[in-house]
Amino acid sequence: MASRLQGFPNALDWKFAIIAGVGLFSAGVVARGLFTSPKKAIIHPSPQRTLLPTLSDAEKSALPYPPDVLPGARDVDTPYGSIRVYEYGPEDGRKVILVHGISTPAIALGSVANNLAENGCRVLLFDLFGRGYSDNPGDLLHDDRLFTTQILLALASSPLSWTGAGSGKFSMIGYSFGGGVVTSFTSYFPDLVDSLILFAPAGLIRPHHISTTNRIIYQEGIIPEPLLQRIIKNRLRTPLSAPPDEKGKNVDATNAVKAEVNIEYNSQAVLSKKYPNVTVVKAVAHQVDNHPGFVPAFISSIRYGPVREQHERWRIVGRQLSQLNTEKGTSKKVLMVLGEHDPIIIKDELEEDAKEAFLGNVEVVTFDAGHEAPVTKGDQIATAILDFWKRND
């Protein structure tokens, strides 16, 4: 037996072997940390950095999306990339944040914002990451966490206090994808938000409307990302102003883009006072061709953003309103603006689902329009908002 054990190390030898192994492993980890480059953030620069520096002032003004298309423009440098923010209106006015849709930059809400500012509001808009003149943090998921952070960064950049003591609460307006964003934000920060207004909001789209093609295309890992980005870019280009599919059929992500920008038939939709000929169609087409981060941001937003299955976040807002109304004796509600002919956000379905999610704390206003209602009927919608505030404050 002794001869059999002679080939095995004794207990002391095992201890030395273990200590030596741990030491070598630790040295390897340290060496790897010293000689391996840390993962760097991926920032896709917007046209604000890649295009504008090459243009004259006259050429900038001739762009489909001029950099001064709305008043109070500023570019905010952040660890996530630069954010384009517009803020204007009386400094002592009611504070209102407006968040645009999945494809359109901030100009899509220009008509509503201008009308509110003319009626004494202090409005703040910004281009979501990867849209307009905002960079795209390409290594991050475009989900609630990213958009919540972007809202807070935009607020922090203001010369006014939007969240501090004595600053008062602010109202939030979200259009389409932006509706999902602001509802989620409100569910986490109810003490900051005085009223919530949703234009044809995403978040509760019923599953049977999501096309099989969409499920396959946007499922991560099925199609290589470079190929997928080329496919989506081509689909977004052909043609943006074409009408979306018939109402009630399966929802395709590019159809949602067409629905947002399908306003060419209404030449009276003035979004910018300085540039009355600016249209969402041309602004989005310019974005597709000139913003390297737009398509990746669009794809990531479809995958991870608050587009569907947001019932719990909406119910949280509903419970918050019910509790507030019980404690304060108020009748606070969410205002929801819908288009009668919207092919993407089906009015009857969303009205039913939103009433359930918000526990009845919702008021619905309908316009004779499609998904583009906030773009083409901004003055009428602003009037409805002002009336809503008078009755709910």
Protein backbone atom coordinates (compact mmCIF):
# COMPACT_ATOMS: atom_id res chain seq x y z
CA MET A 1 0.00 0.00 0.00
CA ALA A 2 2.83 2.36 0.90
CA SER A 3 4.36 1.89 -2.53
CA ARG A 4 1.08 2.92 -4.14
CA LEU A 5 0.95 6.20 -2.18
CA GLN A 6 4.50 7.20 -2.87
CA GLY A 7 3.48 8.85 -6.16
CA PHE A 8 0.94 11.15 -4.50
CA PRO A 9 1.95 14.50 -2.92
CA ASN A 10 1.47 14.88 0.82
CA ALA A 11 -0.82 17.50 2.41
CA LEU A 12 1.95 20.10 2.60
CA ASP A 13 2.70 19.68 -1.09
CA TRP A 14 -1.00 20.20 -1.89
CA LYS A 15 -1.03 23.46 0.07
CA PHE A 16 1.98 24.77 -1.82
CA ALA A 17 0.42 23.74 -5.13
CA ILE A 18 -2.86 25.49 -4.34
CA ILE A 19 -1.10 28.66 -3.18
CA ALA A 20 1.07 28.68 -6.28
CA GLY A 21 -1.97 28.14 -8.52
CA VAL A 22 -3.91 30.96 -6.90
CA GLY A 23 -0.91 33.23 -7.20
CA LEU A 24 -0.46 32.48 -10.89
CA PHE A 25 -4.18 33.01 -11.54
CA SER A 26 -4.15 36.35 -9.72
CA ALA A 27 -1.06 37.43 -11.60
CA GLY A 28 -2.78 36.53 -14.85
CA VAL A 29 -5.86 38.56 -13.95
CA VAL A 30 -3.73 41.57 -13.04
CA ALA A 31 -1.66 41.24 -16.20
CA ARG A 32 -4.79 41.01 -18.31
CA GLY A 33 -6.13 44.15 -16.67
CA LEU A 34 -2.87 45.97 -17.32
CA PHE A 35 -2.42 44.97 -20.93
CA THR A 36 -6.00 44.60 -22.19
CA SER A 37 -7.77 47.77 -23.28
CA PRO A 38 -11.02 48.42 -21.38
CA LYS A 39 -14.26 48.39 -23.34
CA LYS A 40 -14.90 51.83 -24.76
CA ALA A 41 -18.23 53.54 -25.24
CA ILE A 42 -19.52 53.57 -28.81
CA ILE A 43 -20.93 56.96 -29.79
CA HIS A 44 -22.41 57.46 -33.25
CA PRO A 45 -22.03 61.20 -33.91
CA SER A 46 -25.04 63.12 -35.16
CA PRO A 47 -25.01 65.52 -38.13
CA GLN A 48 -24.37 68.26 -35.59
CA ARG A 49 -20.78 67.03 -35.48
CA THR A 50 -20.34 65.38 -38.88
CA LEU A 51 -22.29 67.62 -41.26
CA LEU A 52 -22.89 71.08 -39.81
CA PRO A 53 -19.18 72.02 -39.46
CA THR A 54 -18.80 71.62 -43.24
CA LEU A 55 -21.68 73.94 -44.17
CA SER A 56 -22.11 77.69 -44.45
CA ASP A 57 -24.91 79.44 -42.57
CA ALA A 58 -26.95 79.62 -45.77
CA GLU A 59 -26.48 75.90 -46.39
CA LYS A 60 -27.50 75.09 -42.83
CA SER A 61 -30.69 77.11 -43.25
CA ALA A 62 -31.49 75.17 -46.42
CA LEU A 63 -31.32 71.78 -44.71
CA PRO A 64 -34.53 69.73 -44.35
CA TYR A 65 -33.95 69.95 -40.58
CA PRO A 66 -32.16 73.27 -39.92
CA PRO A 67 -30.25 73.39 -36.63
CA ASP A 68 -32.26 76.44 -35.49
CA VAL A 69 -35.62 75.04 -36.59
CA LEU A 70 -37.04 75.78 -33.13
CA PRO A 71 -36.09 78.55 -30.67
CA GLY A 72 -33.76 78.06 -27.74
CA ALA A 73 -31.54 75.39 -29.28
CA ARG A 74 -28.59 74.07 -27.31
CA ASP A 75 -26.31 71.04 -27.55
CA VAL A 76 -25.67 69.33 -24.23
CA ASP A 77 -22.45 67.35 -23.86
CA THR A 78 -22.98 64.19 -21.79
CA PRO A 79 -21.22 60.84 -21.24
CA TYR A 80 -23.85 59.37 -23.59
CA GLY A 81 -23.04 61.78 -26.40
CA SER A 82 -24.39 65.19 -27.28
CA ILE A 83 -28.13 65.89 -26.84
CA ARG A 84 -29.98 68.52 -28.86
CA VAL A 85 -32.43 70.43 -26.64
CA TYR A 86 -34.89 73.22 -27.47
CA GLU A 87 -36.32 75.32 -24.64
CA TYR A 88 -38.40 78.45 -24.99
CA GLY A 89 -41.43 80.31 -23.71
CA PRO A 90 -41.90 82.52 -20.62
CA GLU A 91 -39.50 81.59 -17.84
CA ASP A 92 -42.28 81.80 -15.27
CA GLY A 93 -44.75 79.83 -17.39
CA ARG A 94 -46.10 76.36 -16.86
CA LYS A 95 -43.29 73.89 -17.57
CA VAL A 96 -43.97 71.28 -20.24
CA ILE A 97 -41.72 68.52 -21.63
CA LEU A 98 -42.57 67.08 -25.05
CA VAL A 99 -41.10 63.77 -26.28
CA HIS A 100 -41.43 62.81 -29.95
CA GLY A 101 -41.93 59.45 -31.67
CA ILE A 102 -39.64 56.61 -32.68
CA SER A 103 -38.48 58.10 -35.97
CA THR A 104 -39.30 61.79 -36.00
CA PRO A 105 -37.00 64.36 -34.41
CA ALA A 106 -38.37 67.02 -32.07
CA ILE A 107 -39.81 69.13 -34.90
CA ALA A 108 -42.77 66.73 -35.15
CA LEU A 109 -44.17 68.37 -32.02
CA GLY A 110 -43.27 71.89 -33.13
CA SER A 111 -46.85 72.99 -33.76
CA VAL A 112 -48.10 71.86 -30.35
CA ALA A 113 -45.06 73.33 -28.59
CA ASN A 114 -45.34 76.68 -30.37
CA ASN A 115 -49.03 76.97 -29.51
CA LEU A 116 -48.39 76.14 -25.86
CA ALA A 117 -45.52 78.66 -25.67
CA GLU A 118 -47.79 81.33 -27.16
CA ASN A 119 -50.22 80.58 -24.34
CA GLY A 120 -47.65 81.16 -21.63
CA CYS A 121 -45.95 77.77 -21.25
CA ARG A 122 -42.25 77.10 -20.91
CA VAL A 123 -41.67 74.20 -23.29
CA LEU A 124 -38.71 71.84 -23.52
CA LEU A 125 -38.17 69.41 -26.40
CA PHE A 126 -35.16 67.31 -27.32
CA ASP A 127 -34.09 64.87 -30.01
CA LEU A 128 -34.06 61.35 -28.63
CA PHE A 129 -30.70 59.59 -28.85
CA GLY A 130 -29.95 58.69 -32.46
CA ARG A 131 -32.43 61.17 -33.89
CA GLY A 132 -32.07 64.69 -35.24
CA TYR A 133 -28.97 66.31 -33.77
CA SER A 134 -28.53 63.98 -30.79
CA ASP A 135 -25.72 61.42 -30.84
CA ASN A 136 -26.43 57.72 -30.41
CA PRO A 137 -24.80 55.70 -27.58
CA GLY A 138 -24.49 52.61 -29.74
CA ASP A 139 -23.30 50.26 -27.01
CA LEU A 140 -26.40 50.78 -24.84
CA LEU A 141 -29.92 49.38 -25.06
CA HIS A 142 -32.56 51.93 -26.01
CA ASP A 143 -34.83 51.11 -23.12
CA ASP A 144 -36.58 52.88 -20.25
CA ARG A 145 -33.33 53.33 -18.38
CA LEU A 146 -31.64 55.18 -21.22
CA PHE A 147 -34.60 57.44 -22.00
CA THR A 148 -35.22 58.25 -18.34
CA THR A 149 -31.58 59.27 -18.07
CA GLN A 150 -31.87 61.41 -21.19
CA ILE A 151 -34.89 63.26 -19.82
CA LEU A 152 -33.05 64.00 -16.58
CA LEU A 153 -29.95 65.15 -18.49
CA ALA A 154 -32.05 67.51 -20.61
CA LEU A 155 -33.68 68.95 -17.49
CA ALA A 156 -30.33 69.35 -15.75
CA SER A 157 -29.05 71.41 -18.69
CA SER A 158 -31.77 74.04 -18.30
CA PRO A 159 -30.95 77.49 -16.93
CA LEU A 160 -34.17 77.11 -14.93
CA SER A 161 -34.89 74.71 -12.10
CA TRP A 162 -37.27 71.97 -13.20
CA THR A 163 -36.90 69.59 -10.26
CA GLY A 164 -35.57 71.60 -7.32
CA ALA A 165 -37.45 72.83 -4.28
CA GLY A 166 -39.93 75.52 -5.22
CA SER A 167 -39.60 74.85 -8.95
CA GLY A 168 -43.06 73.31 -9.16
CA LYS A 169 -43.99 70.21 -11.08
CA PHE A 170 -43.98 69.92 -14.86
CA SER A 171 -46.34 68.40 -17.41
CA MET A 172 -45.23 65.63 -19.77
CA ILE A 173 -46.44 65.12 -23.33
CA GLY A 174 -45.44 62.06 -25.34
CA TYR A 175 -46.22 61.20 -28.95
CA SER A 176 -46.37 57.57 -30.13
CA PHE A 177 -43.12 55.97 -28.89
CA GLY A 178 -42.63 59.06 -26.74
CA GLY A 179 -45.94 58.28 -25.06
CA GLY A 180 -44.48 55.04 -23.76
CA VAL A 181 -41.36 56.89 -22.64
CA VAL A 182 -43.17 59.59 -20.63
CA THR A 183 -45.61 57.13 -19.05
CA SER A 184 -42.72 55.04 -17.81
CA PHE A 185 -40.94 58.14 -16.51
CA THR A 186 -44.08 59.27 -14.68
CA SER A 187 -44.47 55.86 -13.03
CA TYR A 188 -41.01 56.25 -11.49
CA PHE A 189 -41.15 59.98 -10.68
CA PRO A 190 -44.77 60.84 -9.86
CA ASP A 191 -43.75 63.68 -7.56
CA LEU A 192 -42.15 65.52 -10.49
CA VAL A 193 -45.03 65.24 -12.95
CA ASP A 194 -48.14 67.39 -12.64
CA SER A 195 -50.03 66.03 -15.64
CA LEU A 196 -49.52 63.33 -18.26
CA ILE A 197 -50.70 63.79 -21.85
CA LEU A 198 -50.37 61.06 -24.47
CA PHE A 199 -50.70 61.40 -28.24
CA ALA A 200 -51.46 58.01 -29.88
CA PRO A 201 -49.12 56.37 -27.37
CA ALA A 202 -47.21 53.13 -27.78
CA GLY A 203 -47.04 50.72 -24.88
CA LEU A 204 -50.23 48.69 -25.06
CA ILE A 205 -50.25 47.50 -28.68
CA ARG A 206 -52.01 44.15 -28.67
CA PRO A 207 -49.73 41.22 -29.57
CA HIS A 208 -51.76 40.01 -32.54
CA HIS A 209 -50.99 43.27 -34.35
CA ILE A 210 -47.24 42.61 -34.34
CA SER A 211 -46.45 41.02 -37.70
CA THR A 212 -44.51 37.77 -37.94
CA THR A 213 -42.02 39.52 -40.21
CA ASN A 214 -41.41 42.13 -37.55
CA ARG A 215 -40.88 39.50 -34.88
CA ILE A 216 -38.26 37.76 -37.02
CA ILE A 217 -36.51 40.88 -38.29
CA TYR A 218 -36.14 42.53 -34.90
CA GLN A 219 -35.25 39.39 -32.93
CA GLU A 220 -31.66 39.87 -31.90
CA GLY A 221 -29.23 37.30 -33.31
CA ILE A 222 -31.30 35.98 -36.21
CA ILE A 223 -30.02 38.39 -38.86
CA PRO A 224 -26.45 39.78 -38.64
CA GLU A 225 -26.62 43.39 -37.47
CA PRO A 226 -24.83 44.98 -40.47
CA LEU A 227 -27.19 43.21 -42.87
CA LEU A 228 -30.23 44.05 -40.74
CA GLN A 229 -29.28 47.72 -40.64
CA ARG A 230 -29.00 47.82 -44.44
CA ILE A 231 -32.40 46.14 -44.79
CA ILE A 232 -34.09 48.55 -42.38
CA LYS A 233 -32.43 51.58 -43.95
CA ASN A 234 -33.70 50.59 -47.39
CA ARG A 235 -37.20 49.92 -46.04
CA LEU A 236 -37.29 53.34 -44.40
CA ARG A 237 -36.33 54.99 -47.67
CA THR A 238 -39.02 53.44 -49.91
CA PRO A 239 -40.96 55.68 -49.73
CA LEU A 240 -41.50 57.47 -46.45
CA SER A 241 -44.58 59.36 -47.60
CA ALA A 242 -46.44 56.27 -48.82
CA PRO A 243 -49.60 55.48 -46.85
CA PRO A 244 -49.29 52.72 -44.23
CA ASP A 245 -51.18 49.47 -44.42
CA GLU A 246 -54.89 49.30 -43.80
CA LYS A 247 -56.07 50.06 -40.27
CA GLY A 248 -56.29 47.09 -37.96
CA LYS A 249 -53.88 44.84 -39.84
CA ASN A 250 -50.52 43.70 -38.54
CA VAL A 251 -48.26 46.51 -37.39
CA ASP A 252 -44.92 46.78 -39.14
CA ALA A 253 -42.28 49.03 -37.61
CA THR A 254 -41.64 50.85 -40.87
CA ASN A 255 -45.38 51.36 -41.26
CA ALA A 256 -45.28 53.15 -37.93
CA VAL A 257 -42.68 55.49 -39.40
CA LYS A 258 -44.85 56.11 -42.46
CA ALA A 259 -47.82 56.84 -40.21
CA GLU A 260 -45.81 59.40 -38.24
CA VAL A 261 -44.54 61.22 -41.31
CA ASN A 262 -47.49 60.84 -43.69
CA ILE A 263 -48.44 64.53 -43.76
CA GLU A 264 -47.60 65.63 -47.29
CA TYR A 265 -51.30 65.96 -48.08
CA ASN A 266 -51.59 68.72 -45.49
CA SER A 267 -49.40 71.63 -46.55
CA GLN A 268 -50.90 73.79 -43.79
CA ALA A 269 -49.04 71.92 -41.05
CA VAL A 270 -46.55 74.59 -39.97
CA LEU A 271 -44.09 73.11 -37.52
CA SER A 272 -41.47 75.86 -37.47
CA LYS A 273 -42.20 79.56 -37.48
CA LYS A 274 -38.76 80.37 -38.83
CA TYR A 275 -38.90 77.68 -41.52
CA PRO A 276 -42.58 77.19 -42.41
CA ASN A 277 -41.73 74.84 -45.28
CA VAL A 278 -40.05 72.26 -43.05
CA THR A 279 -41.89 68.92 -43.03
CA VAL A 280 -41.49 65.78 -40.99
CA VAL A 281 -41.20 63.69 -44.16
CA LYS A 282 -38.13 65.57 -45.36
CA ALA A 283 -36.62 65.79 -41.89
CA VAL A 284 -36.82 62.02 -41.37
CA ALA A 285 -35.48 61.27 -44.86
CA HIS A 286 -32.54 63.59 -44.15
CA GLN A 287 -32.00 61.79 -40.87
CA VAL A 288 -31.96 58.35 -42.54
CA ASP A 289 -29.25 59.48 -44.94
CA ASN A 290 -27.11 61.62 -42.65
CA HIS A 291 -27.27 60.22 -39.11
CA PRO A 292 -25.16 57.04 -38.78
CA GLY A 293 -26.78 56.29 -35.44
CA PHE A 294 -30.41 56.56 -36.52
CA VAL A 295 -30.99 53.05 -37.85
CA PRO A 296 -29.19 51.32 -34.93
CA ALA A 297 -31.18 53.49 -32.49
CA PHE A 298 -34.42 52.71 -34.32
CA ILE A 299 -33.76 48.96 -34.20
CA SER A 300 -32.78 49.03 -30.53
CA SER A 301 -35.87 51.07 -29.65
CA ILE A 302 -38.13 48.52 -31.34
CA ARG A 303 -36.41 45.70 -29.46
CA TYR A 304 -36.09 47.18 -26.00
CA GLY A 305 -38.14 50.37 -25.81
CA PRO A 306 -41.58 50.83 -24.20
CA VAL A 307 -43.50 49.80 -27.31
CA ARG A 308 -45.60 46.94 -25.94
CA GLU A 309 -46.34 44.99 -22.75
CA GLN A 310 -46.19 48.13 -20.63
CA HIS A 311 -49.37 47.36 -18.72
CA GLU A 312 -47.74 47.25 -15.30
CA ARG A 313 -46.04 50.65 -15.66
CA TRP A 314 -49.38 52.13 -16.77
CA ARG A 315 -51.19 50.49 -13.84
CA ILE A 316 -48.68 52.06 -11.47
CA VAL A 317 -49.60 55.48 -12.86
CA GLY A 318 -53.29 54.60 -12.48
CA ARG A 319 -52.80 53.62 -8.83
CA GLN A 320 -50.82 56.78 -8.17
CA LEU A 321 -53.64 58.91 -9.57
CA SER A 322 -56.29 57.03 -7.60
CA GLN A 323 -54.33 57.50 -4.39
CA LEU A 324 -53.75 61.20 -5.10
CA ASN A 325 -57.41 61.81 -5.89
CA THR A 326 -58.48 60.02 -2.71
CA GLU A 327 -56.05 61.91 -0.49
CA LYS A 328 -56.47 65.35 -2.07
CA GLY A 329 -60.08 65.18 -3.16
CA THR A 330 -59.04 65.89 -6.76
CA SER A 331 -60.02 64.29 -10.05
CA LYS A 332 -56.65 64.11 -11.80
CA LYS A 333 -56.58 62.14 -15.04
CA VAL A 334 -54.35 61.31 -17.97
CA LEU A 335 -55.33 63.05 -21.21
CA MET A 336 -55.10 60.78 -24.24
CA VAL A 337 -55.37 62.21 -27.77
CA LEU A 338 -56.20 59.70 -30.50
CA GLY A 339 -56.77 59.75 -34.24
CA GLU A 340 -60.03 58.26 -35.45
CA HIS A 341 -58.29 56.71 -38.47
CA ASP A 342 -54.97 55.74 -36.89
CA PRO A 343 -53.73 52.50 -38.53
CA ILE A 344 -51.05 51.91 -35.88
CA ILE A 345 -52.68 52.76 -32.56
CA ILE A 346 -56.23 51.43 -32.88
CA LYS A 347 -58.49 53.91 -31.10
CA ASP A 348 -61.14 51.55 -29.73
CA GLU A 349 -58.60 49.01 -28.52
CA LEU A 350 -56.33 51.52 -26.82
CA GLU A 351 -59.22 53.36 -25.22
CA GLU A 352 -60.42 50.10 -23.67
CA ASP A 353 -56.96 48.98 -22.57
CA ALA A 354 -55.93 52.39 -21.22
CA LYS A 355 -59.07 52.73 -19.12
CA GLU A 356 -58.30 49.37 -17.53
CA ALA A 357 -54.62 50.17 -16.99
CA PHE A 358 -55.19 53.68 -15.61
CA LEU A 359 -58.06 52.44 -13.41
CA GLY A 360 -60.46 54.76 -15.20
CA ASN A 361 -58.29 57.83 -14.58
CA VAL A 362 -58.12 58.82 -18.24
CA GLU A 363 -59.88 61.25 -20.54
CA VAL A 364 -59.90 60.57 -24.28
CA VAL A 365 -60.12 63.20 -27.02
CA THR A 366 -60.48 62.04 -30.61
CA PHE A 367 -59.65 63.92 -33.80
CA ASP A 368 -60.55 63.23 -37.42
CA ALA A 369 -57.01 62.21 -38.30
CA GLY A 370 -54.58 59.31 -38.38
CA HIS A 371 -51.40 58.69 -36.42
CA GLU A 372 -50.06 62.07 -37.52
CA ALA A 373 -52.72 64.04 -35.59
CA PRO A 374 -50.25 66.00 -33.37
CA VAL A 375 -48.38 67.11 -36.48
CA THR A 376 -51.33 68.22 -38.59
CA LYS A 377 -53.69 69.43 -35.86
CA GLY A 378 -51.28 70.98 -33.40
CA ASP A 379 -53.33 74.13 -32.80
CA GLN A 380 -56.52 72.19 -32.09
CA ILE A 381 -54.73 69.75 -29.81
CA ALA A 382 -53.08 72.60 -27.91
CA THR A 383 -56.53 74.10 -27.34
CA ALA A 384 -57.75 70.75 -25.99
CA ILE A 385 -54.74 70.57 -23.66
CA LEU A 386 -55.33 74.06 -22.28
CA ASP A 387 -58.97 73.22 -21.65
CA PHE A 388 -57.96 69.97 -19.95
CA TRP A 389 -55.62 71.82 -17.61
CA LYS A 390 -58.31 74.33 -16.67
CA ARG A 391 -60.62 71.51 -15.64
CA ASN A 392 -58.03 69.33 -13.91
CA ASP A 393 -55.69 71.71 -12.09
